[in-house]
N, C-alpha and C. Protein backbone atom coordinates (compact mmCIF):
# COMPACT_ATOMS: atom_id res chain seq x y z
N MET A 1 107.47 82.32 90.53
CA MET A 1 108.18 83.26 89.68
C MET A 1 109.26 83.97 90.50
N ALA A 2 110.47 83.94 90.02
CA ALA A 2 111.60 84.52 90.73
C ALA A 2 111.64 86.04 90.54
N MET A 3 112.32 86.69 91.47
CA MET A 3 112.49 88.14 91.40
C MET A 3 113.96 88.43 91.14
N PRO A 4 114.28 89.18 90.09
CA PRO A 4 115.68 89.51 89.81
C PRO A 4 116.29 90.40 90.90
N ALA A 5 117.58 90.21 91.14
CA ALA A 5 118.28 91.01 92.13
C ALA A 5 118.16 92.50 91.82
N ALA A 6 118.19 92.85 90.55
CA ALA A 6 118.10 94.26 90.15
C ALA A 6 116.77 94.87 90.58
N GLU A 7 115.71 94.09 90.59
CA GLU A 7 114.40 94.59 91.03
C GLU A 7 114.37 94.82 92.54
N ILE A 8 114.99 93.92 93.28
CA ILE A 8 115.09 94.11 94.73
C ILE A 8 115.85 95.40 95.02
N GLU A 9 116.97 95.58 94.35
CA GLU A 9 117.77 96.79 94.54
C GLU A 9 116.98 98.03 94.15
N ARG A 10 116.25 97.98 93.05
CA ARG A 10 115.47 99.13 92.59
C ARG A 10 114.42 99.53 93.63
N LEU A 11 113.72 98.54 94.18
CA LEU A 11 112.69 98.83 95.18
C LEU A 11 113.29 99.44 96.44
N ILE A 12 114.43 98.90 96.88
CA ILE A 12 115.08 99.42 98.08
C ILE A 12 115.57 100.85 97.84
N LEU A 13 116.19 101.08 96.69
CA LEU A 13 116.70 102.43 96.39
C LEU A 13 115.57 103.44 96.18
N ALA A 14 114.42 102.99 95.72
CA ALA A 14 113.28 103.90 95.58
C ALA A 14 112.84 104.41 96.95
N ALA A 15 112.93 103.55 97.96
CA ALA A 15 112.54 103.94 99.32
C ALA A 15 113.66 104.65 100.07
N PHE A 16 114.91 104.30 99.78
CA PHE A 16 116.07 104.84 100.48
C PHE A 16 117.10 105.29 99.44
N PRO A 17 116.91 106.46 98.83
CA PRO A 17 117.78 106.90 97.73
C PRO A 17 119.26 107.00 98.09
N ASP A 18 119.56 107.22 99.36
CA ASP A 18 120.97 107.35 99.76
C ASP A 18 121.62 106.02 100.12
N ALA A 19 120.87 104.93 100.01
CA ALA A 19 121.34 103.64 100.50
C ALA A 19 122.48 103.07 99.66
N ARG A 20 123.34 102.35 100.35
CA ARG A 20 124.28 101.44 99.71
C ARG A 20 123.63 100.06 99.81
N VAL A 21 123.45 99.41 98.69
CA VAL A 21 122.75 98.13 98.65
C VAL A 21 123.62 97.09 97.98
N GLU A 22 123.76 95.95 98.62
CA GLU A 22 124.48 94.82 98.04
C GLU A 22 123.55 93.61 98.09
N ILE A 23 123.27 93.03 96.95
CA ILE A 23 122.39 91.87 96.84
C ILE A 23 123.20 90.68 96.35
N LYS A 24 123.03 89.53 97.00
CA LYS A 24 123.68 88.30 96.55
C LYS A 24 122.62 87.22 96.39
N ASP A 25 122.70 86.50 95.28
CA ASP A 25 121.82 85.36 95.04
C ASP A 25 122.47 84.15 95.70
N LEU A 26 121.89 83.68 96.79
CA LEU A 26 122.52 82.65 97.61
C LEU A 26 122.48 81.27 96.98
N ALA A 27 121.42 80.97 96.24
CA ALA A 27 121.25 79.62 95.71
C ALA A 27 121.31 79.57 94.19
N GLY A 28 121.43 80.71 93.54
CA GLY A 28 121.46 80.74 92.09
C GLY A 28 120.11 80.50 91.44
N ASP A 29 119.05 80.59 92.26
CA ASP A 29 117.71 80.28 91.75
C ASP A 29 116.80 81.50 91.65
N GLY A 30 117.31 82.68 92.04
CA GLY A 30 116.49 83.89 91.98
C GLY A 30 115.42 83.96 93.04
N ASP A 31 115.46 83.06 94.01
CA ASP A 31 114.47 83.04 95.09
C ASP A 31 115.07 83.25 96.47
N HIS A 32 116.36 83.04 96.61
CA HIS A 32 117.02 83.10 97.92
C HIS A 32 118.17 84.10 97.84
N TYR A 33 117.99 85.24 98.49
CA TYR A 33 118.97 86.31 98.42
C TYR A 33 119.45 86.72 99.81
N SER A 34 120.60 87.36 99.83
CA SER A 34 121.01 88.13 101.00
C SER A 34 121.12 89.57 100.54
N ALA A 35 120.80 90.47 101.43
CA ALA A 35 120.89 91.90 101.12
C ALA A 35 121.53 92.63 102.29
N THR A 36 122.44 93.51 101.97
CA THR A 36 123.02 94.42 102.95
C THR A 36 122.59 95.82 102.52
N VAL A 37 121.96 96.53 103.45
CA VAL A 37 121.44 97.86 103.16
C VAL A 37 121.95 98.82 104.24
N VAL A 38 122.63 99.87 103.81
CA VAL A 38 123.14 100.90 104.72
C VAL A 38 122.52 102.22 104.29
N SER A 39 121.80 102.86 105.22
CA SER A 39 121.11 104.10 104.88
C SER A 39 121.04 105.02 106.09
N SER A 40 121.07 106.31 105.84
CA SER A 40 120.90 107.29 106.92
C SER A 40 119.49 107.22 107.50
N ALA A 41 118.53 106.68 106.75
CA ALA A 41 117.16 106.57 107.23
C ALA A 41 117.06 105.63 108.44
N PHE A 42 118.07 104.81 108.66
CA PHE A 42 118.04 103.85 109.76
C PHE A 42 118.56 104.43 111.08
N ARG A 43 119.08 105.65 111.05
CA ARG A 43 119.62 106.25 112.28
C ARG A 43 118.54 106.33 113.35
N GLY A 44 118.90 105.86 114.55
CA GLY A 44 117.98 105.92 115.68
C GLY A 44 116.92 104.83 115.67
N LYS A 45 116.97 103.93 114.70
CA LYS A 45 115.99 102.85 114.60
C LYS A 45 116.61 101.56 115.11
N SER A 46 115.79 100.71 115.72
CA SER A 46 116.26 99.40 116.15
C SER A 46 116.47 98.52 114.92
N ARG A 47 117.17 97.43 115.10
CA ARG A 47 117.40 96.49 113.99
C ARG A 47 116.06 95.98 113.43
N VAL A 48 115.14 95.69 114.32
CA VAL A 48 113.81 95.23 113.89
C VAL A 48 113.11 96.30 113.06
N GLN A 49 113.16 97.54 113.51
CA GLN A 49 112.54 98.64 112.75
C GLN A 49 113.21 98.81 111.38
N GLN A 50 114.53 98.69 111.34
CA GLN A 50 115.25 98.81 110.08
C GLN A 50 114.79 97.72 109.10
N HIS A 51 114.69 96.50 109.58
CA HIS A 51 114.25 95.40 108.73
C HIS A 51 112.82 95.60 108.27
N GLN A 52 111.96 96.07 109.16
CA GLN A 52 110.57 96.34 108.78
C GLN A 52 110.51 97.40 107.68
N MET A 53 111.37 98.39 107.76
CA MET A 53 111.42 99.44 106.75
C MET A 53 111.80 98.85 105.38
N VAL A 54 112.78 97.96 105.38
CA VAL A 54 113.20 97.35 104.11
C VAL A 54 112.09 96.45 103.57
N TYR A 55 111.49 95.64 104.43
CA TYR A 55 110.40 94.78 103.98
C TYR A 55 109.25 95.62 103.41
N GLY A 56 108.99 96.76 104.03
CA GLY A 56 107.96 97.67 103.51
C GLY A 56 108.32 98.18 102.12
N ALA A 57 109.61 98.44 101.90
CA ALA A 57 110.06 98.93 100.60
C ALA A 57 109.87 97.87 99.51
N LEU A 58 109.82 96.61 99.91
CA LEU A 58 109.67 95.51 98.94
C LEU A 58 108.21 95.31 98.53
N LYS A 59 107.33 96.11 99.08
CA LYS A 59 105.93 96.19 98.64
C LYS A 59 105.22 94.85 98.55
N GLY A 60 105.34 94.05 99.61
CA GLY A 60 104.59 92.80 99.67
C GLY A 60 105.15 91.66 98.84
N GLN A 61 106.35 91.80 98.32
CA GLN A 61 106.93 90.74 97.49
C GLN A 61 107.49 89.58 98.31
N MET A 62 107.77 89.81 99.60
CA MET A 62 108.29 88.73 100.45
C MET A 62 107.24 87.63 100.56
N GLY A 63 107.69 86.40 100.38
CA GLY A 63 106.78 85.26 100.46
C GLY A 63 106.07 84.99 99.14
N GLY A 64 106.17 85.91 98.20
CA GLY A 64 105.58 85.72 96.88
C GLY A 64 106.69 85.54 95.87
N ALA A 65 106.94 86.59 95.09
CA ALA A 65 108.01 86.55 94.09
C ALA A 65 109.38 86.40 94.74
N LEU A 66 109.50 86.87 95.96
CA LEU A 66 110.76 86.79 96.71
C LEU A 66 110.55 85.83 97.87
N HIS A 67 111.15 84.65 97.76
CA HIS A 67 110.92 83.59 98.74
C HIS A 67 111.68 83.83 100.04
N ALA A 68 112.97 84.16 99.96
CA ALA A 68 113.78 84.30 101.17
C ALA A 68 114.79 85.43 101.00
N LEU A 69 114.94 86.22 102.06
CA LEU A 69 115.89 87.32 102.05
C LEU A 69 116.58 87.39 103.40
N ALA A 70 117.87 87.07 103.42
CA ALA A 70 118.68 87.24 104.62
C ALA A 70 119.12 88.70 104.63
N LEU A 71 118.70 89.44 105.63
CA LEU A 71 118.84 90.89 105.62
C LEU A 71 119.80 91.37 106.70
N GLN A 72 120.72 92.25 106.28
CA GLN A 72 121.59 92.96 107.21
C GLN A 72 121.41 94.44 106.94
N THR A 73 121.19 95.21 107.99
CA THR A 73 121.01 96.65 107.84
C THR A 73 121.92 97.39 108.80
N ALA A 74 122.21 98.62 108.46
CA ALA A 74 123.00 99.49 109.33
C ALA A 74 122.71 100.93 108.95
N ALA A 75 122.86 101.80 109.95
CA ALA A 75 122.70 103.23 109.71
C ALA A 75 124.00 103.77 109.11
N ALA A 76 123.85 104.58 108.08
CA ALA A 76 125.02 105.22 107.48
C ALA A 76 125.59 106.23 108.46
N PRO A 77 126.89 106.39 108.51
CA PRO A 77 127.47 107.39 109.40
C PRO A 77 127.08 108.79 108.93
N GLU A 78 127.05 109.70 109.88
CA GLU A 78 126.67 111.08 109.55
C GLU A 78 127.76 111.79 108.82
């Protein structure tokens, strides 16, 4: 079962209300997405920590309803 891009965005924004989120469906199948997430919550965090935070926001959907997510994160400027 595929996960709509809007649901991915909703979950990320629920965890990071100030985030700028851009989701792209890479294969047109609802299973392979890229996401760019920019949030002040990422300040002082390593890239790995930032990605872990986003995966946590997806509440266990990775590998299930969401098959693949190419993730780019950055801290929002102050």
